[in-house]
Amino acid sequence: MYIYHFPRKINNNFNDINKVINVYNKIKKIKDNQITLNFSDTNWMSGELVALLGAICYNIKHKYNKENLYIACSKNIETTFQSNNFSKQITNMQIGNTKTTAIEYKCFTEELNNNNLNCFDDYIKKELNEKLEFKQEEIDYICLFLSEIFVNARTHGRTHNIFCCGQKYPKMNKIKILLVDLGIGIPYNVRNRVDKTMNDIQCIKWSLKKGNSTKIENAGGLGLYDIFEFVKQHDGNISIISSNGQFNYNENIEIISKENFDGTIISIEFDYTSIRNIENMFKNIRKEKNFIEF
């Protein structure tokens, strides 16, 4: 049996995420069919990172055929998994009560296989309505941008294997959402459409620029540039990992990592207390023009 012991703390930063990706890349190569992910010594894990854990577990089982996958947890991590309903995925773990600050873990594979294209929009509106005492138009404004990340992942990642989880951090007035897809990745799309000599970080940065699109036909929704502008307007941040490219806006990180992730991880955060005066905010969205998708 292959056992990996996770560190004491797992935060939502590139250093810790790369440790998780490193484990995933090792597991893909080993021949042992019995795998244990051991969180017994871990006392903290950023709640939104459960989306990455769920995506990795899915691929380990379904793509790399390692069906005997086990998860061992400390009490703190068990509580985290119970609070965002990831505990439903773990055999012999008692299902707990979802915390008011946890945005529930969700895998959308089944819904997308059944052609339920509104599944993410329904999910994120329900979660935000439960976590924020906002007017419906304010919820709709936030969901407009979050849903477009999902649409881009589904359409351009060419995958139905999409995972999401999030967390409300009341002391910071922030909401953090992590969305992971197991598709072909941003660099593949950009190189095929634009320039085959571009490296992975150049491809990610290209997709964030105004007017850039890999769609041949007219685009039909918002794109990464508009989502980028949303987080900047609301004192937020966006981090993107796709293939070997890693980009973090606030920390000014642009690196080609030795760790490859076969898909795309997008983490966004924003100050939910700044979502006010929706009428003026909607004026900044180019309703009469073609939207951009990467």
Protein backbone atom coordinates (compact mmCIF):
# COMPACT_ATOMS: atom_id res chain seq x y z
CA MET A 1 0.00 0.00 0.00
CA TYR A 2 1.25 3.49 -0.92
CA ILE A 3 0.71 6.00 1.90
CA TYR A 4 1.33 9.74 1.66
CA HIS A 5 1.33 11.84 4.83
CA PHE A 6 0.17 15.39 4.20
CA PRO A 7 1.84 18.32 6.02
CA ARG A 8 0.51 19.94 9.17
CA LYS A 9 -0.96 22.89 7.27
CA ILE A 10 -2.23 23.10 3.69
CA ASN A 11 -2.96 26.66 2.63
CA ASN A 12 -4.25 28.05 -0.63
CA ASN A 13 -0.89 29.09 -2.02
CA PHE A 14 1.33 27.79 -4.81
CA ASN A 15 3.83 26.21 -2.44
CA ASP A 16 1.24 24.02 -0.72
CA ILE A 17 -0.78 23.35 -3.87
CA ASN A 18 2.39 22.15 -5.63
CA LYS A 19 2.97 19.70 -2.79
CA VAL A 20 -0.49 18.24 -3.42
CA ILE A 21 0.08 18.14 -7.19
CA ASN A 22 3.44 16.43 -6.59
CA VAL A 23 1.69 13.66 -4.67
CA TYR A 24 -0.85 13.30 -7.46
CA ASN A 25 1.87 13.04 -10.10
CA LYS A 26 3.67 10.36 -8.06
CA ILE A 27 0.49 8.34 -7.56
CA LYS A 28 -0.19 8.34 -11.31
CA LYS A 29 3.08 6.49 -11.90
CA ILE A 30 3.14 3.90 -9.14
CA LYS A 31 1.89 0.36 -9.73
CA ASP A 32 0.39 -0.17 -6.28
CA ASN A 33 -3.41 -0.22 -6.52
CA GLN A 34 -3.95 0.59 -2.82
CA ILE A 35 -3.47 4.26 -1.99
CA THR A 36 -3.94 6.07 1.32
CA LEU A 37 -4.00 9.85 1.56
CA ASN A 38 -3.16 10.41 5.20
CA PHE A 39 -4.23 13.69 6.82
CA SER A 40 -3.80 12.39 10.37
CA ASP A 41 -1.08 14.96 11.18
CA THR A 42 -2.84 17.82 9.37
CA ASN A 43 -4.64 20.34 11.57
CA TRP A 44 -5.51 22.97 8.94
CA MET A 45 -6.59 22.89 5.31
CA SER A 46 -8.09 25.84 3.43
CA GLY A 47 -11.68 24.80 2.79
CA GLU A 48 -11.71 25.74 -0.89
CA LEU A 49 -8.79 23.37 -1.59
CA VAL A 50 -11.18 20.44 -1.18
CA ALA A 51 -12.13 21.03 -4.85
CA LEU A 52 -8.56 20.11 -5.82
CA LEU A 53 -8.57 17.07 -3.55
CA GLY A 54 -11.87 15.92 -5.07
CA ALA A 55 -10.55 16.32 -8.61
CA ILE A 56 -7.38 14.39 -7.83
CA CYS A 57 -9.30 11.57 -6.14
CA TYR A 58 -11.61 11.36 -9.16
CA ASN A 59 -8.74 10.99 -11.63
CA ILE A 60 -6.83 8.54 -9.44
CA LYS A 61 -9.87 6.26 -9.44
CA HIS A 62 -11.32 6.76 -12.91
CA LYS A 63 -8.37 7.66 -15.15
CA TYR A 64 -5.53 5.82 -13.45
CA ASN A 65 -7.64 2.85 -12.27
CA LYS A 66 -6.55 2.85 -8.64
CA GLU A 67 -9.89 1.94 -7.15
CA ASN A 68 -8.66 1.20 -3.62
CA LEU A 69 -8.24 4.80 -2.50
CA TYR A 70 -8.48 5.58 1.20
CA ILE A 71 -8.44 8.84 3.16
CA ALA A 72 -7.35 9.03 6.80
CA CYS A 73 -8.04 12.25 8.72
CA SER A 74 -7.33 14.11 11.91
CA LYS A 75 -10.36 15.39 13.78
CA ASN A 76 -9.82 18.91 12.42
CA ILE A 77 -9.70 17.75 8.81
CA GLU A 78 -12.68 15.47 9.33
CA THR A 79 -14.60 18.52 10.56
CA THR A 80 -13.55 20.45 7.44
CA PHE A 81 -14.71 17.64 5.17
CA GLN A 82 -17.99 17.39 7.05
CA SER A 83 -18.61 21.13 6.96
CA ASN A 84 -18.45 21.30 3.14
CA ASN A 85 -20.01 17.86 2.53
CA PHE A 86 -16.86 16.27 1.10
CA SER A 87 -17.43 13.64 3.80
CA LYS A 88 -20.08 12.13 1.51
CA GLN A 89 -17.22 10.96 -0.72
CA ILE A 90 -15.38 9.15 2.06
CA THR A 91 -16.33 5.63 3.13
CA ASN A 92 -17.02 5.24 6.87
CA MET A 93 -16.88 8.98 7.59
CA GLN A 94 -19.94 10.33 9.32
CA ILE A 95 -21.72 13.07 7.38
CA GLY A 96 -21.80 16.30 9.36
CA ASN A 97 -23.71 19.56 9.19
CA THR A 98 -22.64 22.08 6.56
CA LYS A 99 -21.25 25.22 8.19
CA THR A 100 -22.73 28.58 7.30
CA THR A 101 -19.29 29.69 6.05
CA ALA A 102 -18.62 26.67 3.81
CA ILE A 103 -19.55 26.69 0.13
CA GLU A 104 -20.37 23.05 -0.50
CA TYR A 105 -18.04 20.77 -2.44
CA LYS A 106 -19.56 19.72 -5.73
CA CYS A 107 -18.53 17.50 -8.64
CA PHE A 108 -20.55 18.31 -11.77
CA THR A 109 -19.69 15.27 -13.90
CA GLU A 110 -23.06 13.55 -13.56
CA GLU A 111 -25.08 16.71 -14.25
CA LEU A 112 -23.04 17.59 -17.33
CA ASN A 113 -23.21 14.03 -18.63
CA ASN A 114 -26.99 14.47 -18.40
CA ASN A 115 -26.72 17.78 -20.29
CA ASN A 116 -27.79 19.91 -17.32
CA LEU A 117 -25.98 23.06 -18.41
CA ASN A 118 -27.53 25.19 -15.65
CA CYS A 119 -26.16 23.00 -12.86
CA PHE A 120 -23.40 25.38 -11.75
CA ASP A 121 -25.59 28.47 -11.88
CA ASP A 122 -28.22 26.76 -9.73
CA TYR A 123 -25.56 25.54 -7.30
CA ILE A 124 -23.67 28.79 -6.81
CA LYS A 125 -26.81 30.93 -6.45
CA LYS A 126 -28.12 28.59 -3.77
CA GLU A 127 -24.81 28.60 -1.90
CA LEU A 128 -24.37 32.38 -2.01
CA ASN A 129 -27.98 33.04 -1.02
CA GLU A 130 -27.36 30.91 2.08
CA LYS A 131 -24.04 32.57 2.94
CA LEU A 132 -24.78 36.24 2.17
CA GLU A 133 -27.67 38.43 3.24
CA PHE A 134 -27.79 40.15 -0.15
CA LYS A 135 -30.45 41.31 -2.52
CA GLN A 136 -31.07 38.90 -5.36
CA GLU A 137 -29.64 41.29 -7.96
CA GLU A 138 -26.39 41.43 -5.97
CA ILE A 139 -26.22 37.64 -5.88
CA ASP A 140 -26.95 37.55 -9.61
CA TYR A 141 -24.13 40.01 -10.26
CA ILE A 142 -21.58 37.80 -8.47
CA CYS A 143 -22.90 34.65 -10.12
CA LEU A 144 -22.60 36.20 -13.57
CA PHE A 145 -18.81 36.13 -13.22
CA LEU A 146 -18.44 32.89 -11.29
CA SER A 147 -20.63 31.03 -13.77
CA GLU A 148 -18.47 32.17 -16.67
CA ILE A 149 -15.42 30.46 -15.16
CA PHE A 150 -17.45 27.26 -15.19
CA VAL A 151 -18.66 27.81 -18.77
CA ASN A 152 -15.10 28.40 -19.96
CA ALA A 153 -13.90 25.26 -18.17
CA ARG A 154 -16.65 23.15 -19.71
CA THR A 155 -16.42 24.56 -23.23
CA HIS A 156 -12.70 25.16 -23.69
CA GLY A 157 -11.43 22.49 -21.32
CA ARG A 158 -13.58 20.04 -23.27
CA THR A 159 -14.48 18.16 -20.12
CA HIS A 160 -17.43 17.30 -17.90
CA ASN A 161 -15.12 16.66 -14.95
CA ILE A 162 -15.37 19.97 -13.08
CA PHE A 163 -15.14 20.43 -9.31
CA CYS A 164 -15.84 23.40 -7.04
CA CYS A 165 -15.63 24.32 -3.38
CA GLY A 166 -15.42 27.58 -1.50
CA GLN A 167 -15.29 29.33 1.82
CA LYS A 168 -16.56 32.54 3.34
CA TYR A 169 -13.98 34.24 5.59
CA PRO A 170 -16.03 36.73 7.67
CA LYS A 171 -13.06 38.28 9.48
CA MET A 172 -11.53 39.27 6.13
CA ASN A 173 -14.88 39.99 4.42
CA LYS A 174 -13.72 37.63 1.66
CA ILE A 175 -15.19 34.77 -0.30
CA LYS A 176 -12.76 32.33 -1.89
CA ILE A 177 -13.80 29.93 -4.64
CA LEU A 178 -11.66 27.20 -6.19
CA LEU A 179 -12.78 25.65 -9.46
CA VAL A 180 -10.86 22.73 -10.98
CA ASP A 181 -11.36 21.10 -14.35
CA LEU A 182 -9.63 18.01 -15.70
CA GLY A 183 -9.64 19.21 -19.29
CA ILE A 184 -7.02 20.03 -21.88
CA GLY A 185 -5.77 23.24 -20.24
CA ILE A 186 -5.43 26.89 -21.26
CA PRO A 187 -1.94 26.54 -22.85
CA TYR A 188 -3.12 23.85 -25.27
CA ASN A 189 -5.98 26.07 -26.47
CA VAL A 190 -3.88 29.20 -26.85
CA ARG A 191 -0.94 27.53 -28.60
CA ASN A 192 -3.22 25.75 -31.06
CA ARG A 193 -5.06 28.97 -31.91
CA VAL A 194 -2.41 31.67 -31.55
CA ASP A 195 1.26 30.72 -31.39
CA LYS A 196 2.74 27.26 -30.84
CA THR A 197 5.99 28.76 -29.49
CA MET A 198 4.34 30.38 -26.43
CA ASN A 199 5.18 28.85 -23.05
CA ASP A 200 2.51 28.01 -20.49
CA ILE A 201 2.69 31.25 -18.48
CA GLN A 202 2.61 33.34 -21.66
CA CYS A 203 -0.55 31.48 -22.68
CA ILE A 204 -2.23 32.16 -19.33
CA LYS A 205 -1.34 35.87 -19.42
CA TRP A 206 -2.52 36.10 -23.03
CA SER A 207 -5.94 34.73 -22.01
CA LEU A 208 -6.31 37.51 -19.41
CA LYS A 209 -5.82 40.38 -21.86
CA LYS A 210 -8.72 42.40 -23.18
CA GLY A 211 -9.90 41.33 -26.62
CA ASN A 212 -8.03 38.02 -26.72
CA SER A 213 -10.03 34.95 -27.64
CA THR A 214 -9.41 31.48 -29.02
CA LYS A 215 -12.97 31.26 -30.31
CA ILE A 216 -13.25 31.33 -34.08
CA GLU A 217 -16.90 32.38 -34.06
CA ASN A 218 -18.26 35.34 -32.10
CA ALA A 219 -18.04 34.67 -28.39
CA GLY A 220 -21.21 34.40 -26.33
CA GLY A 221 -20.32 35.22 -22.73
CA LEU A 222 -17.86 36.93 -20.45
CA GLY A 223 -14.28 35.74 -20.47
CA LEU A 224 -11.20 35.62 -18.26
CA TYR A 225 -10.45 39.30 -18.88
CA ASP A 226 -13.85 40.31 -17.47
CA ILE A 227 -13.43 37.98 -14.50
CA PHE A 228 -9.95 39.45 -13.96
CA GLU A 229 -11.47 42.94 -13.89
CA PHE A 230 -14.17 41.79 -11.45
CA VAL A 231 -11.68 40.60 -8.82
CA LYS A 232 -9.56 43.76 -9.23
CA GLN A 233 -12.65 45.95 -8.78
CA HIS A 234 -13.66 44.12 -5.60
CA ASP A 235 -10.31 44.00 -3.78
CA GLY A 236 -9.76 40.40 -4.81
CA ASN A 237 -7.26 38.11 -6.41
CA ILE A 238 -7.08 35.48 -9.13
CA SER A 239 -4.66 32.56 -9.31
CA ILE A 240 -4.43 30.20 -12.26
CA ILE A 241 -2.57 26.91 -12.61
CA SER A 242 -2.78 25.19 -15.98
CA SER A 243 -0.32 22.57 -17.23
CA ASN A 244 3.03 23.95 -15.98
CA GLY A 245 2.01 27.61 -15.90
CA GLN A 246 1.25 29.32 -12.58
CA PHE A 247 0.00 32.91 -12.28
CA ASN A 248 -1.00 34.89 -9.18
CA TYR A 249 -2.14 38.48 -9.68
CA ASN A 250 -1.73 39.95 -6.16
CA GLU A 251 1.60 38.29 -5.43
CA ASN A 252 2.93 39.01 -8.92
CA ILE A 253 3.91 35.37 -9.45
CA GLU A 254 4.51 34.15 -12.99
CA ILE A 255 6.35 30.84 -13.08
CA ILE A 256 6.84 27.72 -15.12
CA SER A 257 6.59 25.02 -12.47
CA LYS A 258 8.25 21.63 -12.58
CA GLU A 259 4.91 20.26 -11.40
CA ASN A 260 2.46 19.65 -14.22
CA PHE A 261 -1.28 19.62 -13.57
CA ASP A 262 -3.31 17.99 -16.32
CA GLY A 263 -6.17 20.45 -16.23
CA THR A 264 -6.79 23.94 -14.88
CA ILE A 265 -7.14 25.29 -11.34
CA ILE A 266 -8.67 28.76 -10.95
CA SER A 267 -8.84 30.35 -7.52
CA ILE A 268 -10.61 33.66 -7.06
CA GLU A 269 -11.33 35.75 -4.02
CA PHE A 270 -13.21 39.00 -3.58
CA ASP A 271 -14.46 41.37 -0.87
CA TYR A 272 -18.18 40.66 -0.70
CA THR A 273 -18.84 43.86 1.26
CA SER A 274 -17.90 45.85 -1.87
CA ILE A 275 -20.79 44.39 -3.88
CA ARG A 276 -23.04 47.43 -3.77
CA ASN A 277 -24.62 49.88 -6.23
CA ILE A 278 -25.30 47.09 -8.72
CA GLU A 279 -26.88 49.34 -11.32
CA ASN A 280 -23.62 51.22 -11.86
CA MET A 281 -21.59 48.02 -11.78
CA PHE A 282 -23.66 46.47 -14.55
CA LYS A 283 -22.96 49.51 -16.69
CA ASN A 284 -19.34 48.39 -16.85
CA ILE A 285 -20.35 45.12 -18.51
CA ARG A 286 -20.38 45.47 -22.27
CA LYS A 287 -23.94 44.26 -22.84
CA GLU A 288 -24.14 45.43 -26.44
CA LYS A 289 -20.79 44.01 -27.53
CA ASN A 290 -19.49 40.54 -28.16
CA PHE A 291 -18.07 39.05 -24.98
CA ILE A 292 -14.69 37.34 -24.92
CA GLU A 293 -13.96 33.74 -24.06
CA PHE A 294 -10.48 32.22 -23.96
